Protein backbone atom coordinates (compact mmCIF):
# COMPACT_ATOMS: atom_id res chain seq x y z
CA MET A 1 0.00 0.00 0.00
CA LYS A 2 2.87 2.37 0.87
CA ARG A 3 4.47 1.69 -2.51
CA LEU A 4 1.21 2.48 -4.32
CA LEU A 5 0.79 5.76 -2.39
CA THR A 6 4.40 6.72 -3.15
CA ALA A 7 3.85 6.06 -6.84
CA VAL A 8 0.79 8.30 -6.87
CA LEU A 9 2.35 11.17 -4.91
CA ALA A 10 5.70 11.20 -6.68
CA PRO A 11 4.51 12.77 -9.98
CA ALA A 12 2.52 15.38 -8.13
CA THR A 13 5.50 16.29 -5.95
CA ALA A 14 7.75 16.45 -8.95
CA ALA A 15 5.36 18.82 -10.66
CA GLY A 16 5.44 21.14 -7.63
CA LEU A 17 1.88 20.45 -6.57
CA VAL A 18 0.82 20.30 -2.91
CA LEU A 19 -2.03 17.97 -2.01
CA VAL A 20 -4.27 19.15 0.82
CA ALA A 21 -6.47 16.71 2.70
CA PRO A 22 -10.18 17.64 2.67
CA THR A 23 -11.51 19.21 5.86
CA THR A 24 -14.84 18.49 7.54
CA SER A 25 -17.07 21.58 8.05
CA HIS A 26 -18.94 22.04 11.37
CA ALA A 27 -22.04 24.19 11.85
CA ALA A 28 -21.66 26.95 14.45
CA ALA A 29 -23.12 26.04 17.85
CA ALA A 30 -26.31 27.88 18.80
CA PRO A 31 -26.18 30.13 21.90
CA THR A 32 -27.01 28.68 25.28
CA ILE A 33 -29.67 29.89 27.75
CA THR A 34 -28.66 28.75 31.22
CA ALA A 35 -31.50 30.33 33.23
CA ILE A 36 -34.61 32.53 33.04
CA ASN A 37 -35.82 34.38 36.15
CA VAL A 38 -39.20 36.15 36.42
CA LYS A 39 -39.83 38.69 39.19
CA PRO A 40 -42.22 38.40 40.88
CA ALA A 41 -42.65 34.65 40.37
CA LEU A 42 -46.20 35.12 41.73
CA ALA A 43 -47.83 38.36 40.60
CA VAL A 44 -51.00 39.43 42.45
CA GLN A 45 -53.35 41.76 40.57
CA THR A 46 -54.79 44.39 42.91
CA GLY A 47 -56.82 47.59 42.66
CA LEU A 48 -53.77 49.24 41.10
CA ASN A 49 -54.09 49.28 37.32
CA ARG A 50 -50.77 47.59 36.62
CA GLN A 51 -47.63 46.09 38.11
CA LYS A 52 -44.11 45.63 36.84
CA ILE A 53 -42.87 42.23 35.64
CA THR A 54 -39.11 41.80 35.18
CA VAL A 55 -37.41 39.04 33.18
CA GLN A 56 -33.72 38.17 33.57
CA ILE A 57 -32.10 35.90 30.97
CA HIS A 58 -28.70 34.28 31.46
CA THR A 59 -27.28 33.63 28.00
CA ASP A 60 -24.17 34.04 25.84
CA ALA A 61 -26.32 35.22 22.90
CA ALA A 62 -25.78 38.27 20.72
CA ASP A 63 -29.48 39.22 20.78
CA VAL A 64 -32.55 38.17 22.77
CA ASP A 65 -36.36 38.43 22.47
CA ALA A 66 -38.99 37.52 25.10
CA LEU A 67 -42.78 37.27 25.12
CA ALA A 68 -45.11 36.33 27.99
CA ILE A 69 -48.55 34.86 27.31
CA PRO A 70 -51.23 33.32 29.57
CA THR A 71 -52.05 29.62 29.36
CA ARG A 72 -55.73 30.55 29.05
CA GLY A 73 -57.53 33.78 28.25
CA GLY A 74 -56.35 37.11 26.89
CA GLY A 75 -53.31 39.27 27.37
CA GLY A 76 -49.61 39.23 26.65
CA ILE A 77 -46.43 41.09 27.54
CA VAL A 78 -43.71 41.94 25.02
CA PHE A 79 -40.24 42.36 26.51
CA SER A 80 -37.24 44.06 24.88
CA PRO A 81 -34.23 42.66 26.76
CA LYS A 82 -31.06 44.72 27.07
CA LYS A 83 -27.60 43.40 27.82
CA ILE A 84 -26.72 44.29 31.43
CA ARG A 85 -23.33 42.59 31.41
CA ASP A 86 -21.72 39.59 29.73
CA GLY A 87 -24.08 36.67 30.13
CA LEU A 88 -27.05 38.64 31.51
CA TRP A 89 -29.98 40.29 29.72
CA GLU A 90 -32.91 42.02 31.42
CA ALA A 91 -36.25 43.64 30.55
CA SER A 92 -39.33 44.94 32.37
CA ASN A 93 -42.89 45.66 31.28
CA TYR A 94 -46.34 45.88 32.84
CA LEU A 95 -49.10 43.38 33.62
CA TYR A 96 -52.55 45.04 33.58
CA ASN A 97 -55.68 44.15 35.56
CA TRP A 98 -57.70 43.18 32.49
CA GLU A 99 -55.23 40.44 31.57
CA SER A 100 -55.94 36.82 32.50
CA ALA A 101 -54.98 35.24 35.80
CA GLY A 102 -53.44 31.77 36.12
CA ALA A 103 -50.25 30.33 34.68
CA TRP A 104 -48.19 32.45 32.26
CA THR A 105 -45.22 31.38 30.14
CA VAL A 106 -42.27 33.54 29.14
CA ASP A 107 -40.92 32.32 25.77
CA VAL A 108 -37.33 33.41 25.13
CA THR A 109 -35.43 33.23 21.83
CA ALA A 110 -31.68 33.88 21.79
CA TRP A 111 -29.55 34.39 18.64
CA ASP A 112 -25.85 34.42 17.97
CA ALA A 113 -24.16 36.69 15.40
CA ASP A 114 -24.88 34.15 12.63
CA PHE A 115 -28.60 33.98 13.52
CA ASN A 116 -28.40 30.50 15.01
CA ASP A 117 -31.13 30.45 17.65
CA THR A 118 -32.04 28.73 20.91
CA LYS A 119 -35.46 28.76 22.59
CA LYS A 120 -36.37 28.27 26.24
CA SER A 121 -39.43 28.95 28.42
CA LYS A 122 -40.20 29.84 32.03
CA THR A 123 -43.58 29.73 33.81
CA PHE A 124 -44.82 32.22 36.39
CA GLN A 125 -48.16 32.67 38.15
CA VAL A 126 -50.74 35.47 38.18
CA ARG A 127 -53.51 35.68 40.79
CA ARG A 128 -56.37 38.13 41.36
CA ALA A 129 -56.59 39.62 44.85
CA THR A 130 -59.40 38.82 47.30
CA TYR A 131 -60.35 40.21 50.70
CA PHE A 132 -62.96 39.85 53.43
CA ALA A 133 -65.41 42.66 54.11
CA GLY A 134 -67.54 43.13 57.23
CA PHE A 135 -66.23 40.09 59.08
CA ASN A 136 -67.85 39.85 62.51
CA ALA A 137 -68.39 37.39 65.36
CA SER A 138 -71.40 38.43 67.41
CA PRO A 139 -72.46 39.13 70.01
CA SER A 140 -69.12 40.28 71.40
CA LYS A 141 -70.24 39.17 74.90
CA VAL A 142 -72.36 36.06 75.33
CA ARG A 143 -73.38 33.53 77.95
CA ARG A 144 -71.94 30.04 77.73
CA GLY A 145 -74.10 27.76 75.58
CA LYS A 146 -75.80 30.59 73.71
CA ALA A 147 -75.41 31.08 69.94
CA ILE A 148 -72.56 32.94 68.26
CA SER A 149 -72.92 34.06 64.64
CA VAL A 150 -69.77 34.33 62.50
CA ALA A 151 -70.39 36.16 59.24
CA GLY A 152 -68.75 38.21 56.51
CA GLN A 153 -68.38 38.71 52.78
CA LEU A 154 -65.67 37.57 50.37
CA ARG A 155 -64.83 39.96 47.52
CA GLY A 156 -62.58 39.44 44.50
CA LEU A 157 -60.98 41.67 41.88
CA ASN A 158 -62.63 41.63 38.45
CA ASN A 159 -60.95 42.54 35.17
CA TYR A 160 -62.09 46.17 35.50
CA GLY A 161 -60.03 46.62 38.66
CA GLU A 162 -63.09 46.53 40.95
CA TYR A 163 -63.68 44.30 43.97
CA VAL A 164 -67.03 42.53 43.59
CA PRO A 165 -68.91 39.82 45.57
CA PHE A 166 -67.24 36.45 45.09
CA LYS A 167 -69.84 33.68 45.05
CA GLY A 168 -69.48 29.92 45.33
CA GLN A 169 -66.16 29.93 47.19
CA LYS A 170 -65.15 27.75 50.13
CA VAL A 171 -64.35 29.72 53.29
CA THR A 172 -62.88 28.06 56.39
CA ILE A 173 -63.76 29.43 59.85
CA PHE A 174 -61.18 29.04 62.61
CA PHE A 175 -61.29 29.69 66.37
CA LYS A 176 -58.43 30.30 68.83
CA LYS A 177 -59.29 29.85 72.49
CA LYS A 178 -58.06 32.55 74.89
CA GLY A 179 -54.76 31.54 76.47
CA THR A 180 -53.74 29.24 73.58
CA GLN A 181 -51.79 29.72 70.35
CA LYS A 182 -53.54 27.16 68.15
CA TRP A 183 -56.19 28.01 65.56
CA VAL A 184 -58.77 25.20 65.34
CA ARG A 185 -60.90 24.67 62.24
CA TYR A 186 -64.59 24.85 63.14
CA ALA A 187 -66.42 24.86 59.79
CA VAL A 188 -66.21 25.22 56.01
CA VAL A 189 -68.93 27.34 54.39
CA THR A 190 -69.71 28.38 50.81
CA THR A 191 -70.27 32.00 49.84
CA ALA A 192 -73.69 32.96 48.48
CA LYS A 193 -74.40 34.89 45.27
CA ASN A 194 -73.67 38.15 47.10
CA GLY A 195 -70.37 36.77 48.42
CA LYS A 196 -71.71 36.56 51.96
CA PHE A 197 -71.46 33.66 54.40
CA ALA A 198 -72.66 32.99 57.95
CA LYS A 199 -72.40 30.18 60.47
CA ARG A 200 -73.77 29.73 63.99
CA PHE A 201 -71.87 28.09 66.84
CA SER A 202 -72.52 27.36 70.48
CA ALA A 203 -70.51 29.63 72.80
CA LYS A 204 -68.06 27.49 74.79
CA ALA A 205 -65.03 29.67 75.53
CA SER A 206 -63.69 33.17 75.07
CA GLY A 207 -61.38 33.67 72.12
CA TRP A 208 -61.02 34.88 68.57
CA TRP A 209 -62.66 33.93 65.27
CA ILE A 210 -61.16 34.29 61.80
CA ALA A 211 -62.10 33.37 58.20
CA ASP A 212 -59.68 31.98 55.63
CA TYR A 213 -59.94 31.75 51.84
CA ALA A 214 -57.28 29.35 50.51
CA GLY A 215 -57.23 30.76 46.97
CA SER A 216 -57.03 28.87 43.68
CA ALA A 217 -55.08 28.77 40.43
CA SER A 218 -56.51 32.20 39.55
CA TRP A 219 -57.30 33.82 42.92
CA TYR A 220 -54.95 34.82 45.72
CA LYS A 221 -55.55 33.64 49.28
CA SER A 222 -56.79 35.98 52.01
CA PHE A 223 -57.60 36.12 55.72
CA SER A 224 -60.16 38.20 57.54
CA LYS A 225 -59.31 40.26 60.58
CA ASN A 226 -59.80 38.30 63.79
CA ASP A 227 -62.78 39.18 65.97
CA GLY A 228 -62.98 38.35 69.66
CA VAL A 229 -65.90 37.06 71.74
CA VAL A 230 -66.08 36.98 75.55
CA VAL A 231 -68.02 34.00 76.93
CA ARG A 232 -69.32 34.43 80.48
């Protein structure tokens, strides 16, 4: 084999020609996205018209785009990331009250100088605020064994930025006996069409009553103020 190769190369060398072995071409590697951070990771829509959402992208890219969209419903946030330092891009924009609550996804596309791209996503959560209005345990002084009424109204933020009665929601009523630190669950009630709820209990001990709404995938949790009752 060596003799055959020598025979082939000899004329070419004698003629002053240089043979170059073929090279294998490799496509340029696309940029990497090592992390995406969204602040806040849980955004709560309140009576304020809007709130700031900030996206930080850790990448070695030459240019970056980002878009946030809800899993369900309307809305969307366009971000225009700027390079803060090598490896870090950042952008902020606003989430408005009319936009959908629930899970949102930030879709990021990163390019290198040759327009090779990489895509990556990050999920964050949006909840609408709730609160309790007119929570009351009455009467404030009662004889042992008599009835106590615990009542209030749950209200939630609509997409016009107004708090309205929140019907059909589960509300848990807790009691903490005077001299103790433990809240004990006494009942779970469902809010009526007007957002109101009420429950009667037998007075057994002095202490404090409170209502709790645990929230959901679209609504943020809330607690009422606590209201005390003296049992004599």
